[in-house]
Amino acid sequence: MISCELAIKLHRGGFKCAGKEDSFEKDGEIIQVPTLEELIEACGKNKEDAYSKFILWFCPSEYGNWHAGEMEYCSESYVDDYPQNTENGETPEEAVANLWLTINKKTS
């Protein structure tokens, strides 16, 4: 689960949750807390490049234990060595939420 602060950032950034399982009220607004599945799906939306792939990995570091990023395939068989737009978090949800914010900041 992500923090209330991160859920608010997602809401203000335009993230739309399909489900309404988890939500809270802040300043008269209903803030929905997305699931990991919703976050992962949203990171792949609006991608015109069929060679762009999403990855999530665990690797303890000073920045957080979980990392999410995009990998760019140069062809059907080659993958770049290092993901672009990487983000970190203490949980998988936090890492992917931060990635969504990064991706959507660059495209908005």
Protein backbone atom coordinates (compact mmCIF):
# COMPACT_ATOMS: atom_id res chain seq x y z
CA MET A 1 0.00 0.00 0.00
CA ILE A 2 1.15 3.54 -0.72
CA SER A 3 1.10 6.46 1.70
CA CYS A 4 -1.72 8.99 1.78
CA GLU A 5 0.72 11.66 0.56
CA LEU A 6 1.66 9.60 -2.50
CA ALA A 7 -2.01 8.80 -3.22
CA ILE A 8 -2.72 12.56 -3.17
CA LYS A 9 0.17 13.20 -5.60
CA LEU A 10 -1.22 10.55 -7.94
CA HIS A 11 -4.72 12.04 -7.70
CA ARG A 12 -3.45 15.55 -8.42
CA GLY A 13 -1.34 14.18 -11.27
CA GLY A 14 -4.44 12.77 -12.96
CA PHE A 15 -4.23 9.10 -12.00
CA LYS A 16 -7.61 7.40 -12.36
CA CYS A 17 -8.42 4.28 -10.34
CA ALA A 18 -10.79 1.73 -11.80
CA GLY A 19 -11.69 0.20 -8.45
CA LYS A 20 -12.85 1.90 -5.31
CA GLU A 21 -11.62 -0.64 -2.76
CA ASP A 22 -9.49 1.79 -0.79
CA SER A 23 -10.10 5.51 -0.51
CA PHE A 24 -10.06 8.42 1.93
CA GLU A 25 -11.28 12.00 2.06
CA LYS A 26 -8.95 14.99 1.96
CA ASP A 27 -10.18 18.60 1.77
CA GLY A 28 -13.58 17.47 0.51
CA GLU A 29 -12.13 15.25 -2.24
CA ILE A 30 -12.29 11.47 -2.36
CA ILE A 31 -8.76 10.17 -2.94
CA GLN A 32 -8.59 6.63 -4.26
CA VAL A 33 -5.61 4.45 -3.41
CA PRO A 34 -4.64 2.34 -6.44
CA THR A 35 -3.64 -1.30 -6.30
CA LEU A 36 -0.29 -2.51 -7.58
CA GLU A 37 -2.08 -4.01 -10.60
CA GLU A 38 -3.67 -0.65 -11.46
CA LEU A 39 -0.34 1.13 -11.14
CA ILE A 40 1.48 -1.37 -13.36
CA GLU A 41 -1.25 -1.23 -16.00
CA ALA A 42 -1.23 2.57 -15.99
CA CYS A 43 2.53 2.72 -16.54
CA GLY A 44 2.09 0.85 -19.82
CA LYS A 45 -0.84 2.84 -21.15
CA ASN A 46 -0.46 5.32 -23.99
CA LYS A 47 2.75 3.68 -25.15
CA GLU A 48 3.00 3.85 -28.92
CA ASP A 49 6.33 2.01 -28.94
CA ALA A 50 5.77 -1.73 -28.93
CA TYR A 51 9.37 -2.16 -27.79
CA SER A 52 8.92 -0.35 -24.49
CA LYS A 53 8.62 -2.74 -21.53
CA PHE A 54 7.95 -2.21 -17.84
CA ILE A 55 10.13 -3.89 -15.21
CA LEU A 56 9.96 -4.13 -11.41
CA TRP A 57 12.82 -5.52 -9.33
CA PHE A 58 13.95 -5.93 -5.73
CA CYS A 59 17.42 -4.75 -4.83
CA PRO A 60 18.14 -3.19 -1.43
CA SER A 61 19.77 0.21 -1.74
CA GLU A 62 19.92 3.56 -0.01
CA TYR A 63 17.08 4.76 -2.27
CA GLY A 64 14.61 1.99 -1.43
CA ASN A 65 14.29 -1.74 -1.78
CA TRP A 66 12.04 -1.76 -4.85
CA HIS A 67 12.77 -0.27 -8.25
CA ALA A 68 10.54 0.22 -11.30
CA GLY A 69 11.53 1.32 -14.77
CA GLU A 70 11.01 1.16 -18.50
CA MET A 71 13.21 -0.89 -20.80
CA GLU A 72 13.56 0.14 -24.42
CA TYR A 73 14.02 -2.66 -26.93
CA CYS A 74 15.98 -1.54 -29.97
CA SER A 75 14.66 -4.50 -31.94
CA GLU A 76 12.69 -7.63 -31.21
CA SER A 77 15.70 -9.38 -29.71
CA TYR A 78 17.87 -6.68 -28.10
CA VAL A 79 17.21 -4.92 -24.84
CA ASP A 80 19.10 -1.90 -23.58
CA ASP A 81 21.30 -2.66 -20.58
CA TYR A 82 19.76 -0.08 -18.25
CA PRO A 83 16.13 0.97 -17.83
CA GLN A 84 15.03 4.54 -18.48
CA ASN A 85 12.75 6.48 -16.12
CA THR A 86 13.66 4.46 -13.04
CA GLU A 87 12.05 5.17 -9.68
CA ASN A 88 12.43 3.67 -6.22
CA GLY A 89 10.34 2.91 -3.16
CA GLU A 90 10.16 0.87 0.00
CA THR A 91 7.32 -1.19 -1.49
CA PRO A 92 6.52 -2.29 -5.05
CA GLU A 93 3.47 0.00 -5.02
CA GLU A 94 5.54 3.02 -4.01
CA ALA A 95 8.17 2.38 -6.70
CA VAL A 96 5.56 1.97 -9.46
CA ALA A 97 3.55 5.00 -8.26
CA ASN A 98 6.69 7.12 -8.39
CA LEU A 99 7.41 5.78 -11.89
CA TRP A 100 3.89 6.73 -13.04
CA LEU A 101 4.40 10.26 -11.71
CA THR A 102 7.74 10.52 -13.54
CA ILE A 103 6.37 9.20 -16.83
CA ASN A 104 3.35 11.49 -16.74
CA LYS A 105 5.33 14.55 -15.72
CA LYS A 106 7.46 14.15 -18.85
CA THR A 107 4.49 13.64 -21.15
CA SER A 108 2.17 16.35 -19.79
